[in-house]
Amino acid sequence: MISLPWKHKNNKLWYYLKGFCREIIPGSMSRSQLNGKLAQLSRFDFEYIRHRVNYYNKLTQKQILSDSSNTLAHLTLPPKLKVYYFDNYEYTRYFDPALKANFLFGDITYIPEEPSIVKSRPIQGGHANSILLKLNKVRHFIYTRDKKNFEDKKNMLIGRAVVKRDHRIRFYEMYFNHPLCNLGQINRWGKNDHWIKDKLTIEQHLDYKFILCLEGNDVASNLKWVMSSNSLAVMPKPKFETWYMEDTLIGNYHYVEIKEDYSDLEERMRYYIAHTDEAQSIIQNANAYVNQFKNKVREDLISLLVLEKYFYKTGQIPLRNHGLYT
């Protein structure tokens, strides 16, 4: 069977087409739809929605934005990082363009000085100023249609990655030649040319029982599709989180947790090779966790409420009487 590289990927052409189409819809039309969008709250579990909204936006006190903050009207299509613009504009277009907000595009691994919309934030420390939205989702929120049974897969760990960060280099130094590992560096530059291998499709990754999910600049971008598969994600406890709420993942319940120094990798792998029932339980838990992000209407509602809370907590709009936050 020919492995089709796009089989488990989002359609970027369709993504960009939708993004550009939103640009031509009059802003007044989108703003007139906001109340109707928020009224859908009654369709869903109120406590679940409240938990997620307040998880992403942890502002508790009002904070007035500085004069350097731009209005939504200043959020325009940049020459680079277009996906961040499109993903923000998908929801900001429902709000008054005179409202102010700070947007930080890219892999954000620090906590900003004032409330800002970000894709990622550190898990540790007071990160209330880091308000998460579902950004760069065309790359990060990918799911598989894995029809391969766990028991039929190879008893090995597969890993393909850009290897430039010290923690990834350390892992490859420890396990590149290990008989239980098939590792490859996909970047063609660096000091370790002997690690370079061709990229593999997601379909090819799914031939393996274990898939490496090491963080890169921030989170591990492959974690979502791995957790939607019939393979096991392998990683240490995460240090960064996104809309995926990585800090709520439980080691050896949603993924195979290895030590920060990677020293127990072989022991963890051999354990789940021998205890297939426990491996299957982790896979079921991981699949269930992923499924909560697949309801588009609910995801849109949560995104709008996160922004609404942002504008309220920065003193720009009155409190709406839905009881989600105070």
C-alpha atoms as a PDB file:
ATOM      1  CA  MET A   1       0.000   0.000   0.000  1.00  0.00           C
ATOM      2  CA  ILE A   2       1.308   3.469  -0.871  1.00  0.00           C
ATOM      3  CA  SER A   3       1.472   5.685   2.203  1.00  0.00           C
ATOM      4  CA  LEU A   4      -0.185   8.980   1.399  1.00  0.00           C
ATOM      5  CA  PRO A   5       1.600  11.802   3.268  1.00  0.00           C
ATOM      6  CA  TRP A   6      -1.561  13.922   3.586  1.00  0.00           C
ATOM      7  CA  LYS A   7      -3.792  11.129   4.888  1.00  0.00           C
ATOM      8  CA  HIS A   8      -3.622  12.263   8.504  1.00  0.00           C
ATOM      9  CA  LYS A   9      -2.977  15.975   7.890  1.00  0.00           C
ATOM     10  CA  ASN A  10      -5.224  19.011   7.838  1.00  0.00           C
ATOM     11  CA  ASN A  11      -5.935  20.451   4.398  1.00  0.00           C
ATOM     12  CA  LYS A  12      -3.901  23.672   4.381  1.00  0.00           C
ATOM     13  CA  LEU A  13      -5.381  24.898   1.108  1.00  0.00           C
ATOM     14  CA  TRP A  14      -8.878  24.684   2.573  1.00  0.00           C
ATOM     15  CA  TYR A  15      -7.634  26.295   5.805  1.00  0.00           C
ATOM     16  CA  TYR A  16      -6.187  29.315   3.977  1.00  0.00           C
ATOM     17  CA  LEU A  17      -9.218  29.603   1.721  1.00  0.00           C
ATOM     18  CA  LYS A  18     -11.507  29.848   4.744  1.00  0.00           C
ATOM     19  CA  GLY A  19      -9.161  32.371   6.352  1.00  0.00           C
ATOM     20  CA  PHE A  20      -9.153  34.663   3.329  1.00  0.00           C
ATOM     21  CA  CYS A  21     -12.934  34.323   2.919  1.00  0.00           C
ATOM     22  CA  ARG A  22     -13.444  35.626   6.461  1.00  0.00           C
ATOM     23  CA  GLU A  23     -11.553  38.739   5.416  1.00  0.00           C
ATOM     24  CA  ILE A  24     -14.266  39.759   2.967  1.00  0.00           C
ATOM     25  CA  ILE A  25     -17.185  39.314   5.398  1.00  0.00           C
ATOM     26  CA  PRO A  26     -18.197  42.735   6.783  1.00  0.00           C
ATOM     27  CA  GLY A  27     -17.144  43.077  10.426  1.00  0.00           C
ATOM     28  CA  SER A  28     -20.578  44.391  11.364  1.00  0.00           C
ATOM     29  CA  MET A  29     -22.116  41.121  10.210  1.00  0.00           C
ATOM     30  CA  SER A  30     -19.829  39.062  12.434  1.00  0.00           C
ATOM     31  CA  ARG A  31     -20.383  41.352  15.438  1.00  0.00           C
ATOM     32  CA  SER A  32     -24.141  41.060  15.063  1.00  0.00           C
ATOM     33  CA  GLN A  33     -23.805  37.288  15.496  1.00  0.00           C
ATOM     34  CA  LEU A  34     -21.928  37.341  18.827  1.00  0.00           C
ATOM     35  CA  ASN A  35     -24.960  37.142  21.120  1.00  0.00           C
ATOM     36  CA  GLY A  36     -26.331  34.220  19.150  1.00  0.00           C
ATOM     37  CA  LYS A  37     -22.977  32.434  19.338  1.00  0.00           C
ATOM     38  CA  LEU A  38     -22.748  32.910  23.111  1.00  0.00           C
ATOM     39  CA  ALA A  39     -26.364  31.798  23.578  1.00  0.00           C
ATOM     40  CA  GLN A  40     -25.213  28.296  22.604  1.00  0.00           C
ATOM     41  CA  LEU A  41     -23.836  27.972  26.128  1.00  0.00           C
ATOM     42  CA  SER A  42     -27.159  26.410  27.133  1.00  0.00           C
ATOM     43  CA  ARG A  43     -26.447  23.446  24.812  1.00  0.00           C
ATOM     44  CA  PHE A  44     -23.409  22.273  26.771  1.00  0.00           C
ATOM     45  CA  ASP A  45     -22.277  21.260  30.251  1.00  0.00           C
ATOM     46  CA  PHE A  46     -21.968  24.590  32.070  1.00  0.00           C
ATOM     47  CA  GLU A  47     -19.321  23.454  34.569  1.00  0.00           C
ATOM     48  CA  TYR A  48     -17.183  21.960  31.812  1.00  0.00           C
ATOM     49  CA  ILE A  49     -17.290  25.197  29.816  1.00  0.00           C
ATOM     50  CA  ARG A  50     -16.529  27.267  32.918  1.00  0.00           C
ATOM     51  CA  HIS A  51     -13.556  25.086  33.787  1.00  0.00           C
ATOM     52  CA  ARG A  52     -11.988  25.399  30.366  1.00  0.00           C
ATOM     53  CA  VAL A  53     -12.628  29.132  29.982  1.00  0.00           C
ATOM     54  CA  ASN A  54     -11.024  29.858  33.345  1.00  0.00           C
ATOM     55  CA  TYR A  55      -8.204  27.426  32.636  1.00  0.00           C
ATOM     56  CA  TYR A  56      -7.184  29.291  29.503  1.00  0.00           C
ATOM     57  CA  ASN A  57      -7.823  32.741  30.929  1.00  0.00           C
ATOM     58  CA  LYS A  58      -6.670  32.851  34.557  1.00  0.00           C
ATOM     59  CA  LEU A  59      -7.089  36.585  35.082  1.00  0.00           C
ATOM     60  CA  THR A  60      -8.754  37.194  38.448  1.00  0.00           C
ATOM     61  CA  GLN A  61      -8.159  40.912  38.940  1.00  0.00           C
ATOM     62  CA  LYS A  62      -8.833  43.698  36.499  1.00  0.00           C
ATOM     63  CA  GLN A  63      -5.731  44.913  34.660  1.00  0.00           C
ATOM     64  CA  ILE A  64      -5.826  47.968  32.451  1.00  0.00           C
ATOM     65  CA  LEU A  65      -3.732  47.547  29.323  1.00  0.00           C
ATOM     66  CA  SER A  66      -0.929  49.981  28.616  1.00  0.00           C
ATOM     67  CA  ASP A  67      -1.142  52.695  25.972  1.00  0.00           C
ATOM     68  CA  SER A  68       1.174  50.634  23.774  1.00  0.00           C
ATOM     69  CA  SER A  69      -1.514  47.977  23.320  1.00  0.00           C
ATOM     70  CA  ASN A  70      -3.130  48.032  19.883  1.00  0.00           C
ATOM     71  CA  THR A  71      -6.798  47.836  19.021  1.00  0.00           C
ATOM     72  CA  LEU A  72      -8.266  44.854  17.208  1.00  0.00           C
ATOM     73  CA  ALA A  73      -8.441  47.063  14.132  1.00  0.00           C
ATOM     74  CA  HIS A  74      -4.628  46.972  14.066  1.00  0.00           C
ATOM     75  CA  LEU A  75      -4.602  43.167  13.826  1.00  0.00           C
ATOM     76  CA  THR A  76      -3.741  42.789  10.155  1.00  0.00           C
ATOM     77  CA  LEU A  77      -2.379  39.989   8.005  1.00  0.00           C
ATOM     78  CA  PRO A  78       1.405  39.796   8.548  1.00  0.00           C
ATOM     79  CA  PRO A  79       3.969  38.652   5.951  1.00  0.00           C
ATOM     80  CA  LYS A  80       4.875  35.723   8.226  1.00  0.00           C
ATOM     81  CA  LEU A  81       3.037  33.650  10.846  1.00  0.00           C
ATOM     82  CA  LYS A  82      -0.211  34.047   8.892  1.00  0.00           C
ATOM     83  CA  VAL A  83      -1.813  31.096  10.686  1.00  0.00           C
ATOM     84  CA  TYR A  84      -1.639  32.988  13.987  1.00  0.00           C
ATOM     85  CA  TYR A  85      -3.448  35.910  12.415  1.00  0.00           C
ATOM     86  CA  PHE A  86      -6.137  33.725  10.838  1.00  0.00           C
ATOM     87  CA  ASP A  87      -6.712  31.776  14.064  1.00  0.00           C
ATOM     88  CA  ASN A  88      -7.025  34.982  16.100  1.00  0.00           C
ATOM     89  CA  TYR A  89      -9.208  36.755  13.558  1.00  0.00           C
ATOM     90  CA  GLU A  90     -11.586  33.790  13.400  1.00  0.00           C
ATOM     91  CA  TYR A  91     -12.818  34.950  16.857  1.00  0.00           C
ATOM     92  CA  THR A  92     -11.741  38.579  17.308  1.00  0.00           C
ATOM     93  CA  ARG A  93     -13.927  39.589  14.335  1.00  0.00           C
ATOM     94  CA  TYR A  94     -16.983  39.127  16.589  1.00  0.00           C
ATOM     95  CA  PHE A  95     -15.833  41.942  18.905  1.00  0.00           C
ATOM     96  CA  ASP A  96     -15.675  45.734  18.623  1.00  0.00           C
ATOM     97  CA  PRO A  97     -12.537  46.621  16.601  1.00  0.00           C
ATOM     98  CA  ALA A  98     -11.885  49.485  19.037  1.00  0.00           C
ATOM     99  CA  LEU A  99     -11.140  47.018  21.836  1.00  0.00           C
ATOM    100  CA  LYS A 100      -7.470  46.678  22.760  1.00  0.00           C
ATOM    101  CA  ALA A 101      -5.480  43.449  23.024  1.00  0.00           C
ATOM    102  CA  ASN A 102      -1.912  42.190  23.014  1.00  0.00           C
ATOM    103  CA  PHE A 103      -1.088  39.342  20.645  1.00  0.00           C
ATOM    104  CA  LEU A 104       2.164  37.397  20.821  1.00  0.00           C
ATOM    105  CA  PHE A 105       2.665  35.163  17.789  1.00  0.00           C
ATOM    106  CA  GLY A 106       4.947  32.133  17.707  1.00  0.00           C
ATOM    107  CA  ASP A 107       6.315  29.746  20.349  1.00  0.00           C
ATOM    108  CA  ILE A 108       6.010  31.768  23.550  1.00  0.00           C
ATOM    109  CA  THR A 109       7.980  30.265  26.425  1.00  0.00           C
ATOM    110  CA  TYR A 110       7.952  33.266  28.783  1.00  0.00           C
ATOM    111  CA  ILE A 111       5.245  35.071  30.732  1.00  0.00           C
ATOM    112  CA  PRO A 112       4.408  38.511  29.288  1.00  0.00           C
ATOM    113  CA  GLU A 113       4.352  41.613  31.467  1.00  0.00           C
ATOM    114  CA  GLU A 114       0.703  42.341  30.726  1.00  0.00           C
ATOM    115  CA  PRO A 115      -2.262  40.176  29.624  1.00  0.00           C
ATOM    116  CA  SER A 116      -1.571  38.780  26.157  1.00  0.00           C
ATOM    117  CA  ILE A 117      -3.101  36.261  23.772  1.00  0.00           C
ATOM    118  CA  VAL A 118      -0.622  33.413  23.180  1.00  0.00           C
ATOM    119  CA  LYS A 119      -0.426  29.924  21.736  1.00  0.00           C
ATOM    120  CA  SER A 120       1.795  28.519  24.500  1.00  0.00           C
ATOM    121  CA  ARG A 121       2.916  29.283  28.040  1.00  0.00           C
ATOM    122  CA  PRO A 122       5.164  27.784  30.736  1.00  0.00           C
ATOM    123  CA  ILE A 123       3.321  25.443  33.079  1.00  0.00           C
ATOM    124  CA  GLN A 124       5.227  26.473  36.181  1.00  0.00           C
ATOM    125  CA  GLY A 125       4.961  29.937  37.701  1.00  0.00           C
ATOM    126  CA  GLY A 126       2.235  32.550  37.771  1.00  0.00           C
ATOM    127  CA  HIS A 127       1.118  32.641  34.145  1.00  0.00           C
ATOM    128  CA  ALA A 128      -2.170  34.541  34.452  1.00  0.00           C
ATOM    129  CA  ASN A 129      -0.950  37.073  31.878  1.00  0.00           C
ATOM    130  CA  SER A 130      -0.674  34.269  29.312  1.00  0.00           C
ATOM    131  CA  ILE A 131      -4.155  33.794  27.858  1.00  0.00           C
ATOM    132  CA  LEU A 132      -4.336  30.717  25.647  1.00  0.00           C
ATOM    133  CA  LEU A 133      -6.196  30.510  22.357  1.00  0.00           C
ATOM    134  CA  LYS A 134      -6.255  27.627  19.899  1.00  0.00           C
ATOM    135  CA  LEU A 135      -3.537  29.013  17.620  1.00  0.00           C
ATOM    136  CA  ASN A 136      -1.620  27.376  14.764  1.00  0.00           C
ATOM    137  CA  LYS A 137      -4.228  24.645  14.919  1.00  0.00           C
ATOM    138  CA  VAL A 138      -3.723  23.611  11.302  1.00  0.00           C
ATOM    139  CA  ARG A 139      -0.331  22.228  12.374  1.00  0.00           C
ATOM    140  CA  HIS A 140      -0.943  21.221  15.971  1.00  0.00           C
ATOM    141  CA  PHE A 141      -4.484  19.839  16.031  1.00  0.00           C
ATOM    142  CA  ILE A 142      -4.152  16.809  13.777  1.00  0.00           C
ATOM    143  CA  TYR A 143      -5.884  13.515  14.463  1.00  0.00           C
ATOM    144  CA  THR A 144      -5.314  10.061  13.044  1.00  0.00           C
ATOM    145  CA  ARG A 145      -7.547   7.340  11.711  1.00  0.00           C
ATOM    146  CA  ASP A 146      -5.405   4.513  13.026  1.00  0.00           C
ATOM    147  CA  LYS A 147      -6.736   1.084  12.039  1.00  0.00           C
ATOM    148  CA  LYS A 148      -3.671  -0.830  13.238  1.00  0.00           C
ATOM    149  CA  ASN A 149      -3.990  -2.804  16.457  1.00  0.00           C
ATOM    150  CA  PHE A 150      -1.463  -2.104  19.195  1.00  0.00           C
ATOM    151  CA  GLU A 151      -0.534  -5.779  19.456  1.00  0.00           C
ATOM    152  CA  ASP A 152       0.371  -5.930  15.754  1.00  0.00           C
ATOM    153  CA  LYS A 153       2.790  -3.002  15.868  1.00  0.00           C
ATOM    154  CA  LYS A 154       6.576  -3.138  16.204  1.00  0.00           C
ATOM    155  CA  ASN A 155       7.996  -3.348  19.727  1.00  0.00           C
ATOM    156  CA  MET A 156      10.026  -0.191  19.143  1.00  0.00           C
ATOM    157  CA  LEU A 157      10.050   3.562  19.676  1.00  0.00           C
ATOM    158  CA  ILE A 158       9.884   5.712  16.551  1.00  0.00           C
ATOM    159  CA  GLY A 159      11.108   9.297  16.513  1.00  0.00           C
ATOM    160  CA  ARG A 160      11.656  11.849  13.756  1.00  0.00           C
ATOM    161  CA  ALA A 161      12.381  15.423  14.766  1.00  0.00           C
ATOM    162  CA  VAL A 162      14.334  18.603  14.307  1.00  0.00           C
ATOM    163  CA  VAL A 163      17.195  18.016  16.732  1.00  0.00           C
ATOM    164  CA  LYS A 164      18.770  21.278  17.837  1.00  0.00           C
ATOM    165  CA  ARG A 165      17.657  21.829  21.435  1.00  0.00           C
ATOM    166  CA  ASP A 166      19.934  20.451  24.146  1.00  0.00           C
ATOM    167  CA  HIS A 167      17.300  18.120  25.603  1.00  0.00           C
ATOM    168  CA  ARG A 168      16.633  16.493  22.221  1.00  0.00           C
ATOM    169  CA  ILE A 169      20.357  16.185  21.523  1.00  0.00           C
ATOM    170  CA  ARG A 170      20.790  14.475  24.893  1.00  0.00           C
ATOM    171  CA  PHE A 171      18.034  11.959  24.109  1.00  0.00           C
ATOM    172  CA  TYR A 172      19.562  11.127  20.720  1.00  0.00           C
ATOM    173  CA  GLU A 173      23.010  10.734  22.268  1.00  0.00           C
ATOM    174  CA  MET A 174      21.567   8.196  24.686  1.00  0.00           C
ATOM    175  CA  TYR A 175      19.326   6.193  22.332  1.00  0.00           C
ATOM    176  CA  PHE A 176      20.166   6.729  18.660  1.00  0.00           C
ATOM    177  CA  ASN A 177      21.826   3.307  18.365  1.00  0.00           C
ATOM    178  CA  HIS A 178      19.557   1.532  20.835  1.00  0.00           C
ATOM    179  CA  PRO A 179      17.979  -1.666  19.419  1.00  0.00           C
ATOM    180  CA  LEU A 180      14.526  -0.637  20.691  1.00  0.00           C
ATOM    181  CA  CYS A 181      14.648   2.750  18.969  1.00  0.00           C
ATOM    182  CA  ASN A 182      14.332   4.024  15.402  1.00  0.00           C
ATOM    183  CA  LEU A 183      15.405   7.661  15.689  1.00  0.00           C
ATOM    184  CA  GLY A 184      16.163  10.155  12.975  1.00  0.00           C
ATOM    185  CA  GLN A 185      17.072  13.822  12.692  1.00  0.00           C
ATOM    186  CA  ILE A 186      15.147  15.549   9.894  1.00  0.00           C
ATOM    187  CA  ASN A 187      17.062  18.850   9.872  1.00  0.00           C
ATOM    188  CA  ARG A 188      19.979  18.779   7.423  1.00  0.00           C
ATOM    189  CA  TRP A 189      22.156  21.150   9.411  1.00  0.00           C
ATOM    190  CA  GLY A 190      23.906  20.695  12.735  1.00  0.00           C
ATOM    191  CA  LYS A 191      26.820  18.777  14.169  1.00  0.00           C
ATOM    192  CA  ASN A 192      25.362  15.269  14.042  1.00  0.00           C
ATOM    193  CA  ASP A 193      25.070  14.362  10.375  1.00  0.00           C
ATOM    194  CA  HIS A 194      25.052  10.656  11.229  1.00  0.00           C
ATOM    195  CA  TRP A 195      21.620  11.145  12.838  1.00  0.00           C
ATOM    196  CA  ILE A 196      20.029  12.453   9.627  1.00  0.00           C
ATOM    197  CA  LYS A 197      17.277  10.301   8.143  1.00  0.00           C
ATOM    198  CA  ASP A 198      14.402  10.939   5.775  1.00  0.00           C
ATOM    199  CA  LYS A 199      11.089  12.102   7.153  1.00  0.00           C
ATOM    200  CA  LEU A 200       8.381   9.512   7.732  1.00  0.00           C
ATOM    201  CA  THR A 201       4.664   9.962   7.224  1.00  0.00           C
ATOM    202  CA  ILE A 202       2.263   9.700  10.134  1.00  0.00           C
ATOM    203  CA  GLU A 203       1.063   6.444   8.599  1.00  0.00           C
ATOM    204  CA  GLN A 204       4.599   5.046   8.839  1.00  0.00           C
ATOM    205  CA  HIS A 205       4.896   6.160  12.462  1.00  0.00           C
ATOM    206  CA  LEU A 206       1.776   4.156  13.267  1.00  0.00           C
ATOM    207  CA  ASP A 207       3.639   0.906  12.576  1.00  0.00           C
ATOM    208  CA  TYR A 208       5.302   1.331  15.994  1.00  0.00           C
ATOM    209  CA  LYS A 209       3.923   0.775  19.485  1.00  0.00           C
ATOM    210  CA  PHE A 210       5.782   3.756  20.942  1.00  0.00           C
ATOM    211  CA  ILE A 211       6.103   7.261  19.465  1.00  0.00           C
ATOM    212  CA  LEU A 212       8.488   9.844  20.899  1.00  0.00           C
ATOM    213  CA  CYS A 213       6.841  13.144  21.866  1.00  0.00           C
ATOM    214  CA  LEU A 214       9.667  15.342  23.139  1.00  0.00           C
ATOM    215  CA  GLU A 215       8.972  19.049  23.509  1.00  0.00           C
ATOM    216  CA  GLY A 216      10.711  21.334  21.026  1.00  0.00           C
ATOM    217  CA  ASN A 217      10.684  25.130  21.323  1.00  0.00           C
ATOM    218  CA  ASP A 218       7.584  24.725  23.442  1.00  0.00           C
ATOM    219  CA  VAL A 219       5.217  21.737  23.263  1.00  0.00           C
ATOM    220  CA  ALA A 220       5.541  18.498  21.306  1.00  0.00           C
ATOM    221  CA  SER A 221       3.628  19.267  18.109  1.00  0.00           C
ATOM    222  CA  ASN A 222       2.913  15.575  17.392  1.00  0.00           C
ATOM    223  CA  LEU A 223       1.303  14.828  20.756  1.00  0.00           C
ATOM    224  CA  LYS A 224      -2.303  15.319  19.614  1.00  0.00           C
ATOM    225  CA  TRP A 225      -2.191  12.924  16.694  1.00  0.00           C
ATOM    226  CA  VAL A 226      -0.203  10.362  18.665  1.00  0.00           C
ATOM    227  CA  MET A 227      -2.779  10.400  21.474  1.00  0.00           C
ATOM    228  CA  SER A 228      -5.550   9.909  18.907  1.00  0.00           C
ATOM    229  CA  SER A 229      -3.858   6.758  17.585  1.00  0.00           C
ATOM    230  CA  ASN A 230      -3.434   3.175  18.780  1.00  0.00           C
ATOM    231  CA  SER A 231       0.200   3.830  19.706  1.00  0.00           C
ATOM    232  CA  LEU A 232       1.596   5.152  22.978  1.00  0.00           C
ATOM    233  CA  ALA A 233       3.001   8.652  23.379  1.00  0.00           C
ATOM    234  CA  VAL A 234       6.319   8.578  25.267  1.00  0.00           C
ATOM    235  CA  MET A 235       7.637  11.696  27.003  1.00  0.00           C
ATOM    236  CA  PRO A 236       8.671  13.253  30.302  1.00  0.00           C
ATOM    237  CA  LYS A 237       6.197  15.442  32.180  1.00  0.00           C
ATOM    238  CA  PRO A 238       5.624  18.532  29.979  1.00  0.00           C
ATOM    239  CA  LYS A 239       6.986  21.994  30.827  1.00  0.00           C
ATOM    240  CA  PHE A 240       4.781  23.995  28.461  1.00  0.00           C
ATOM    241  CA  GLU A 241       1.114  23.937  27.549  1.00  0.00           C
ATOM    242  CA  THR A 242      -1.288  25.150  24.873  1.00  0.00           C
ATOM    243  CA  TRP A 243      -5.027  24.935  24.216  1.00  0.00           C
ATOM    244  CA  TYR A 244      -4.490  21.170  24.615  1.00  0.00           C
ATOM    245  CA  MET A 245      -4.072  21.727  28.386  1.00  0.00           C
ATOM    246  CA  GLU A 246      -0.911  19.621  28.598  1.00  0.00           C
ATOM    247  CA  ASP A 247      -0.655  20.258  32.339  1.00  0.00           C
ATOM    248  CA  THR A 248      -3.807  18.180  32.902  1.00  0.00           C
ATOM    249  CA  LEU A 249      -2.309  15.091  31.256  1.00  0.00           C
ATOM    250  CA  ILE A 250      -1.528  12.282  33.690  1.00  0.00           C
ATOM    251  CA  GLY A 251       1.604  10.210  33.239  1.00  0.00           C
ATOM    252  CA  ASN A 252       1.040   6.470  32.660  1.00  0.00           C
ATOM    253  CA  TYR A 253      -2.676   7.227  32.287  1.00  0.00           C
ATOM    254  CA  HIS A 254      -2.717   9.358  29.124  1.00  0.00           C
ATOM    255  CA  TYR A 255       0.875   8.728  28.003  1.00  0.00           C
ATOM    256  CA  VAL A 256       3.959   6.740  28.990  1.00  0.00           C
ATOM    257  CA  GLU A 257       5.912   8.983  31.325  1.00  0.00           C
ATOM    258  CA  ILE A 258       9.693   8.699  31.403  1.00  0.00           C
ATOM    259  CA  LYS A 259      12.109  10.429  33.764  1.00  0.00           C
ATOM    260  CA  GLU A 260      13.445  13.876  33.027  1.00  0.00           C
ATOM    261  CA  ASP A 261      16.887  12.364  32.392  1.00  0.00           C
ATOM    262  CA  TYR A 262      15.376   9.679  30.082  1.00  0.00           C
ATOM    263  CA  SER A 263      17.171   6.923  32.002  1.00  0.00           C
ATOM    264  CA  ASP A 264      14.135   4.631  32.374  1.00  0.00           C
ATOM    265  CA  LEU A 265      13.060   4.570  28.720  1.00  0.00           C
ATOM    266  CA  GLU A 266      13.899   0.904  28.089  1.00  0.00           C
ATOM    267  CA  GLU A 267      12.337  -0.208  31.377  1.00  0.00           C
ATOM    268  CA  ARG A 268       9.093   1.660  30.591  1.00  0.00           C
ATOM    269  CA  MET A 269       8.913   0.240  27.075  1.00  0.00           C
ATOM    270  CA  ARG A 270       9.528  -3.341  28.138  1.00  0.00           C
ATOM    271  CA  TYR A 271       6.878  -2.987  30.852  1.00  0.00           C
ATOM    272  CA  TYR A 272       4.120  -2.003  28.404  1.00  0.00           C
ATOM    273  CA  ILE A 273       5.252  -4.554  25.826  1.00  0.00           C
ATOM    274  CA  ALA A 274       4.686  -7.192  28.523  1.00  0.00           C
ATOM    275  CA  HIS A 275       1.513  -5.598  29.974  1.00  0.00           C
ATOM    276  CA  THR A 276      -0.615  -5.115  26.881  1.00  0.00           C
ATOM    277  CA  ASP A 277      -3.800  -4.615  28.898  1.00  0.00           C
ATOM    278  CA  GLU A 278      -2.322  -1.573  30.646  1.00  0.00           C
ATOM    279  CA  ALA A 279      -1.045  -0.214  27.337  1.00  0.00           C
ATOM    280  CA  GLN A 280      -4.530  -0.537  25.857  1.00  0.00           C
ATOM    281  CA  SER A 281      -5.983   1.300  28.835  1.00  0.00           C
ATOM    282  CA  ILE A 282      -3.623   4.230  28.280  1.00  0.00           C
ATOM    283  CA  ILE A 283      -4.573   4.314  24.599  1.00  0.00           C
ATOM    284  CA  GLN A 284      -8.278   4.415  25.483  1.00  0.00           C
ATOM    285  CA  ASN A 285      -7.704   7.213  27.999  1.00  0.00           C
ATOM    286  CA  ALA A 286      -5.643   9.170  25.475  1.00  0.00           C
ATOM    287  CA  ASN A 287      -8.275   8.780  22.746  1.00  0.00           C
ATOM    288  CA  ALA A 288     -10.989   9.987  25.140  1.00  0.00           C
ATOM    289  CA  TYR A 289      -8.899  13.003  26.119  1.00  0.00           C
ATOM    290  CA  VAL A 290      -8.390  13.992  22.478  1.00  0.00           C
ATOM    291  CA  ASN A 291     -12.094  13.656  21.682  1.00  0.00           C
ATOM    292  CA  GLN A 292     -13.022  16.626  23.873  1.00  0.00           C
ATOM    293  CA  PHE A 293     -11.386  18.974  21.338  1.00  0.00           C
ATOM    294  CA  LYS A 294     -13.313  17.696  18.313  1.00  0.00           C
ATOM    295  CA  ASN A 295     -16.646  19.464  18.870  1.00  0.00           C
ATOM    296  CA  LYS A 296     -16.196  22.552  16.651  1.00  0.00           C
ATOM    297  CA  VAL A 297     -19.254  24.403  17.975  1.00  0.00           C
ATOM    298  CA  ARG A 298     -18.119  23.961  21.578  1.00  0.00           C
ATOM    299  CA  GLU A 299     -14.523  24.877  20.759  1.00  0.00           C
ATOM    300  CA  ASP A 300     -15.724  28.074  19.051  1.00  0.00           C
ATOM    301  CA  LEU A 301     -17.884  28.959  22.034  1.00  0.00           C
ATOM    302  CA  ILE A 302     -15.027  28.475  24.504  1.00  0.00           C
ATOM    303  CA  SER A 303     -12.716  30.592  22.334  1.00  0.00           C
ATOM    304  CA  LEU A 304     -15.223  33.454  22.235  1.00  0.00           C
ATOM    305  CA  LEU A 305     -15.749  33.272  25.996  1.00  0.00           C
ATOM    306  CA  VAL A 306     -11.988  33.331  26.634  1.00  0.00           C
ATOM    307  CA  LEU A 307     -11.780  36.546  24.619  1.00  0.00           C
ATOM    308  CA  GLU A 308     -14.877  38.004  26.270  1.00  0.00           C
ATOM    309  CA  LYS A 309     -13.308  37.416  29.684  1.00  0.00           C
ATOM    310  CA  TYR A 310     -10.093  39.031  28.443  1.00  0.00           C
ATOM    311  CA  PHE A 311     -11.908  42.204  27.404  1.00  0.00           C
ATOM    312  CA  TYR A 312     -13.868  42.254  30.676  1.00  0.00           C
ATOM    313  CA  LYS A 313     -10.831  41.682  32.897  1.00  0.00           C
ATOM    314  CA  THR A 314      -8.943  44.455  31.075  1.00  0.00           C
ATOM    315  CA  GLY A 315     -11.783  46.860  31.885  1.00  0.00           C
ATOM    316  CA  GLN A 316     -13.119  47.299  28.366  1.00  0.00           C
ATOM    317  CA  ILE A 317     -16.577  45.692  28.438  1.00  0.00           C
ATOM    318  CA  PRO A 318     -19.213  45.121  31.155  1.00  0.00           C
ATOM    319  CA  LEU A 319     -19.749  41.772  32.843  1.00  0.00           C
ATOM    320  CA  ARG A 320     -22.166  39.511  31.002  1.00  0.00           C
ATOM    321  CA  ASN A 321     -24.699  37.775  33.227  1.00  0.00           C
ATOM    322  CA  HIS A 322     -23.833  34.124  32.503  1.00  0.00           C
ATOM    323  CA  GLY A 323     -21.942  33.318  35.702  1.00  0.00           C
ATOM    324  CA  LEU A 324     -18.834  31.868  34.081  1.00  0.00           C
ATOM    325  CA  TYR A 325     -16.496  34.298  35.826  1.00  0.00           C
ATOM    326  CA  THR A 326     -16.641  37.310  38.118  1.00  0.00           C
END
